[in-house]
Amino acid sequence: MKTVREGGLTDSLKLDYAFRSVLSRKPSLQESAELLGMLNRQRNRSLKGELNPWNIASNDPDKPFPLPKGVRMEDIAAWTTVSRVLLNLDETITRE
């Protein structure tokens, strides 16, 4: 799925950048598919009201702050979840 968001970058390109920044390598096709699937599921759960994106991506969900034009909290929360997964991978933590 090629979802284009702010800045004209696709979710796939953003994921490649995040993956390379954290793990210093490109994700495999399976890794990309899993993480993009999770990103879209999390985004959709927020949009459906199943999750409060402010609870996921902010320090104090009771004090929302203004977002830059074109940025949605559902996207920030979904990327926060993907980032947490990347940062908690055994490969990230051990760097063998």
N, C-alpha and C. Protein backbone atom coordinates (compact mmCIF):
# COMPACT_ATOMS: atom_id res chain seq x y z
N MET A 1 0.84 -1.18 0.00
CA MET A 1 0.00 0.00 0.00
C MET A 1 0.89 1.24 0.00
N LYS A 2 0.70 2.11 -0.96
CA LYS A 2 1.50 3.32 -1.06
C LYS A 2 0.70 4.52 -0.58
N THR A 3 0.71 4.72 0.71
CA THR A 3 0.01 5.86 1.27
C THR A 3 0.96 7.05 1.26
N VAL A 4 0.54 8.14 0.63
CA VAL A 4 1.36 9.34 0.58
C VAL A 4 0.86 10.29 1.66
N ARG A 5 1.75 10.72 2.48
CA ARG A 5 1.42 11.63 3.58
C ARG A 5 2.16 12.94 3.36
N GLU A 6 2.26 13.72 4.45
CA GLU A 6 2.89 15.03 4.39
C GLU A 6 4.29 14.93 3.79
N GLY A 7 4.66 15.93 3.06
CA GLY A 7 5.98 15.98 2.45
C GLY A 7 6.10 15.14 1.20
N GLY A 8 5.02 14.50 0.78
CA GLY A 8 5.05 13.69 -0.42
C GLY A 8 5.76 12.35 -0.27
N LEU A 9 6.13 11.98 0.96
CA LEU A 9 6.82 10.71 1.18
C LEU A 9 5.79 9.61 1.45
N THR A 10 6.05 8.44 0.92
CA THR A 10 5.18 7.31 1.20
C THR A 10 5.52 6.72 2.56
N ASP A 11 4.59 5.98 3.11
CA ASP A 11 4.86 5.30 4.37
C ASP A 11 6.03 4.33 4.21
N SER A 12 6.14 3.71 3.06
CA SER A 12 7.23 2.78 2.79
C SER A 12 8.59 3.48 2.85
N LEU A 13 8.69 4.65 2.26
CA LEU A 13 9.95 5.40 2.31
C LEU A 13 10.28 5.85 3.73
N LYS A 14 9.26 6.27 4.46
CA LYS A 14 9.48 6.68 5.85
C LYS A 14 9.95 5.49 6.69
N LEU A 15 9.34 4.33 6.46
CA LEU A 15 9.74 3.14 7.20
C LEU A 15 11.17 2.76 6.86
N ASP A 16 11.54 2.80 5.60
CA ASP A 16 12.92 2.50 5.21
C ASP A 16 13.90 3.43 5.94
N TYR A 17 13.57 4.70 6.00
CA TYR A 17 14.43 5.67 6.68
C TYR A 17 14.55 5.34 8.17
N ALA A 18 13.41 5.09 8.81
CA ALA A 18 13.42 4.77 10.24
C ALA A 18 14.21 3.49 10.51
N PHE A 19 13.98 2.48 9.69
CA PHE A 19 14.65 1.20 9.85
C PHE A 19 16.16 1.36 9.69
N ARG A 20 16.57 2.08 8.68
CA ARG A 20 18.01 2.31 8.47
C ARG A 20 18.62 3.14 9.60
N SER A 21 17.89 4.11 10.10
CA SER A 21 18.39 4.94 11.19
C SER A 21 18.61 4.13 12.46
N VAL A 22 17.73 3.18 12.72
CA VAL A 22 17.81 2.39 13.95
C VAL A 22 18.73 1.19 13.79
N LEU A 23 18.62 0.48 12.67
CA LEU A 23 19.33 -0.79 12.52
C LEU A 23 20.48 -0.76 11.52
N SER A 24 20.69 0.35 10.85
CA SER A 24 21.77 0.51 9.88
C SER A 24 21.70 -0.49 8.73
N ARG A 25 20.47 -0.88 8.40
CA ARG A 25 20.28 -1.75 7.24
C ARG A 25 18.87 -1.54 6.71
N LYS A 26 18.66 -2.01 5.49
CA LYS A 26 17.35 -1.90 4.87
C LYS A 26 16.47 -3.06 5.37
N PRO A 27 15.19 -2.83 5.59
CA PRO A 27 14.32 -3.91 6.02
C PRO A 27 14.08 -4.93 4.91
N SER A 28 13.88 -6.18 5.30
CA SER A 28 13.51 -7.20 4.32
C SER A 28 12.08 -6.93 3.87
N LEU A 29 11.66 -7.59 2.80
CA LEU A 29 10.29 -7.42 2.33
C LEU A 29 9.29 -7.85 3.40
N GLN A 30 9.59 -8.93 4.11
CA GLN A 30 8.69 -9.40 5.16
C GLN A 30 8.64 -8.41 6.32
N GLU A 31 9.79 -7.88 6.72
CA GLU A 31 9.82 -6.89 7.80
C GLU A 31 9.02 -5.65 7.42
N SER A 32 9.21 -5.17 6.20
CA SER A 32 8.45 -4.00 5.73
C SER A 32 6.96 -4.28 5.74
N ALA A 33 6.56 -5.44 5.23
CA ALA A 33 5.14 -5.78 5.17
C ALA A 33 4.53 -5.84 6.57
N GLU A 34 5.24 -6.46 7.51
CA GLU A 34 4.73 -6.56 8.88
C GLU A 34 4.58 -5.18 9.52
N LEU A 35 5.61 -4.36 9.40
CA LEU A 35 5.58 -3.04 10.04
C LEU A 35 4.59 -2.09 9.38
N LEU A 36 4.49 -2.13 8.06
CA LEU A 36 3.51 -1.29 7.37
C LEU A 36 2.09 -1.76 7.70
N GLY A 37 1.91 -3.07 7.83
CA GLY A 37 0.61 -3.59 8.24
C GLY A 37 0.23 -3.10 9.63
N MET A 38 1.19 -3.15 10.55
CA MET A 38 0.93 -2.66 11.90
C MET A 38 0.64 -1.17 11.89
N LEU A 39 1.40 -0.42 11.12
CA LEU A 39 1.19 1.02 11.01
C LEU A 39 -0.25 1.31 10.57
N ASN A 40 -0.70 0.64 9.54
CA ASN A 40 -2.06 0.87 9.03
C ASN A 40 -3.13 0.40 9.99
N ARG A 41 -2.90 -0.72 10.68
CA ARG A 41 -3.87 -1.19 11.67
C ARG A 41 -4.00 -0.19 12.82
N GLN A 42 -2.87 0.30 13.29
CA GLN A 42 -2.89 1.27 14.39
C GLN A 42 -3.57 2.57 13.96
N ARG A 43 -3.26 3.02 12.77
CA ARG A 43 -3.87 4.24 12.24
C ARG A 43 -5.39 4.06 12.15
N ASN A 44 -5.82 2.92 11.62
CA ASN A 44 -7.25 2.66 11.47
C ASN A 44 -7.95 2.51 12.82
N ARG A 45 -7.29 1.91 13.79
CA ARG A 45 -7.90 1.79 15.12
C ARG A 45 -8.12 3.16 15.73
N SER A 46 -7.19 4.08 15.53
CA SER A 46 -7.36 5.44 16.03
C SER A 46 -8.49 6.15 15.30
N LEU A 47 -8.54 5.98 14.00
CA LEU A 47 -9.59 6.64 13.21
C LEU A 47 -10.98 6.12 13.56
N LYS A 48 -11.09 4.83 13.92
CA LYS A 48 -12.37 4.24 14.30
C LYS A 48 -12.77 4.59 15.74
N GLY A 49 -11.84 5.14 16.50
CA GLY A 49 -12.13 5.48 17.88
C GLY A 49 -11.82 4.36 18.86
N GLU A 50 -11.18 3.29 18.40
CA GLU A 50 -10.82 2.18 19.28
C GLU A 50 -9.67 2.56 20.21
N LEU A 51 -8.82 3.45 19.75
CA LEU A 51 -7.68 3.96 20.52
C LEU A 51 -7.72 5.47 20.54
N ASN A 52 -7.24 6.04 21.61
CA ASN A 52 -7.07 7.49 21.67
C ASN A 52 -5.62 7.80 21.31
N PRO A 53 -5.39 8.37 20.13
CA PRO A 53 -4.00 8.60 19.71
C PRO A 53 -3.22 9.51 20.66
N TRP A 54 -3.92 10.38 21.36
CA TRP A 54 -3.24 11.27 22.31
C TRP A 54 -2.66 10.47 23.48
N ASN A 55 -3.30 9.36 23.85
CA ASN A 55 -2.76 8.51 24.92
C ASN A 55 -1.48 7.82 24.50
N ILE A 56 -1.32 7.56 23.23
CA ILE A 56 -0.16 6.84 22.72
C ILE A 56 1.02 7.78 22.48
N ALA A 57 0.75 8.96 21.97
CA ALA A 57 1.83 9.80 21.45
C ALA A 57 2.07 11.10 22.21
N SER A 58 1.49 11.25 23.37
CA SER A 58 1.76 12.49 24.10
C SER A 58 2.02 12.20 25.57
N ASN A 59 2.74 13.09 26.21
CA ASN A 59 3.03 12.94 27.63
C ASN A 59 1.82 13.19 28.49
N ASP A 60 0.97 14.10 28.08
CA ASP A 60 -0.21 14.45 28.86
C ASP A 60 -1.42 14.54 27.93
N PRO A 61 -2.14 13.40 27.75
CA PRO A 61 -3.26 13.40 26.81
C PRO A 61 -4.38 14.35 27.19
N ASP A 62 -4.41 14.80 28.43
CA ASP A 62 -5.45 15.75 28.86
C ASP A 62 -5.14 17.17 28.44
N LYS A 63 -3.94 17.40 27.93
CA LYS A 63 -3.54 18.74 27.47
C LYS A 63 -3.09 18.66 26.03
N PRO A 64 -4.04 18.50 25.08
CA PRO A 64 -3.64 18.44 23.67
C PRO A 64 -2.97 19.74 23.22
N PHE A 65 -2.09 19.62 22.30
CA PHE A 65 -1.36 20.77 21.76
C PHE A 65 -1.69 20.91 20.28
N PRO A 66 -1.53 22.10 19.73
CA PRO A 66 -1.81 22.26 18.30
C PRO A 66 -0.79 21.52 17.44
N LEU A 67 -1.28 20.90 16.40
CA LEU A 67 -0.42 20.17 15.47
C LEU A 67 -0.13 21.02 14.25
N PRO A 68 1.01 20.82 13.62
CA PRO A 68 1.30 21.54 12.38
C PRO A 68 0.24 21.22 11.32
N LYS A 69 0.06 22.12 10.41
CA LYS A 69 -0.92 21.95 9.35
C LYS A 69 -0.64 20.66 8.58
N GLY A 70 -1.68 19.88 8.36
CA GLY A 70 -1.57 18.64 7.60
C GLY A 70 -1.12 17.43 8.40
N VAL A 71 -0.81 17.61 9.67
CA VAL A 71 -0.38 16.50 10.52
C VAL A 71 -1.57 16.04 11.35
N ARG A 72 -1.77 14.72 11.36
CA ARG A 72 -2.88 14.16 12.14
C ARG A 72 -2.31 13.35 13.30
N MET A 73 -2.94 13.45 14.44
CA MET A 73 -2.49 12.72 15.61
C MET A 73 -2.58 11.21 15.38
N GLU A 74 -3.50 10.76 14.55
CA GLU A 74 -3.60 9.33 14.24
C GLU A 74 -2.31 8.82 13.59
N ASP A 75 -1.73 9.64 12.73
CA ASP A 75 -0.46 9.27 12.09
C ASP A 75 0.69 9.29 13.08
N ILE A 76 0.72 10.30 13.93
CA ILE A 76 1.79 10.39 14.93
C ILE A 76 1.74 9.18 15.85
N ALA A 77 0.54 8.82 16.30
CA ALA A 77 0.40 7.67 17.20
C ALA A 77 0.80 6.37 16.51
N ALA A 78 0.41 6.21 15.26
CA ALA A 78 0.77 4.98 14.53
C ALA A 78 2.28 4.88 14.36
N TRP A 79 2.92 5.98 14.01
CA TRP A 79 4.39 5.97 13.86
C TRP A 79 5.08 5.81 15.21
N THR A 80 4.49 6.31 16.28
CA THR A 80 5.04 6.10 17.62
C THR A 80 5.08 4.61 17.94
N THR A 81 4.02 3.90 17.59
CA THR A 81 3.96 2.46 17.83
C THR A 81 5.04 1.73 17.03
N VAL A 82 5.18 2.07 15.75
CA VAL A 82 6.20 1.44 14.92
C VAL A 82 7.59 1.75 15.46
N SER A 83 7.81 2.97 15.88
CA SER A 83 9.11 3.36 16.42
C SER A 83 9.44 2.59 17.68
N ARG A 84 8.44 2.38 18.53
CA ARG A 84 8.67 1.60 19.75
C ARG A 84 9.07 0.17 19.42
N VAL A 85 8.44 -0.40 18.41
CA VAL A 85 8.80 -1.76 17.99
C VAL A 85 10.25 -1.79 17.52
N LEU A 86 10.62 -0.86 16.66
CA LEU A 86 11.99 -0.83 16.15
C LEU A 86 13.02 -0.67 17.28
N LEU A 87 12.72 0.21 18.22
CA LEU A 87 13.67 0.48 19.30
C LEU A 87 13.76 -0.65 20.31
N ASN A 88 12.76 -1.54 20.33
CA ASN A 88 12.76 -2.65 21.26
C ASN A 88 13.15 -3.98 20.64
N LEU A 89 13.55 -3.97 19.39
CA LEU A 89 14.02 -5.21 18.77
C LEU A 89 15.31 -5.67 19.42
N ASP A 90 15.48 -6.98 19.54
CA ASP A 90 16.71 -7.53 20.09
C ASP A 90 17.91 -7.04 19.27
N GLU A 91 17.74 -6.97 17.97
CA GLU A 91 18.82 -6.51 17.09
C GLU A 91 19.23 -5.07 17.41
N THR A 92 18.28 -4.26 17.79
CA THR A 92 18.57 -2.87 18.13
C THR A 92 19.30 -2.78 19.46
N ILE A 93 18.85 -3.55 20.41
CA ILE A 93 19.38 -3.46 21.77
C ILE A 93 20.77 -4.08 21.88
N THR A 94 21.00 -5.22 21.22
CA THR A 94 22.28 -5.91 21.38
C THR A 94 23.33 -5.49 20.38
N ARG A 95 22.96 -5.15 19.17
CA ARG A 95 23.91 -4.71 18.14
C ARG A 95 25.12 -5.64 18.02
N GLU A 96 24.88 -6.93 17.91
CA GLU A 96 25.98 -7.91 17.84
C GLU A 96 26.73 -7.86 16.55
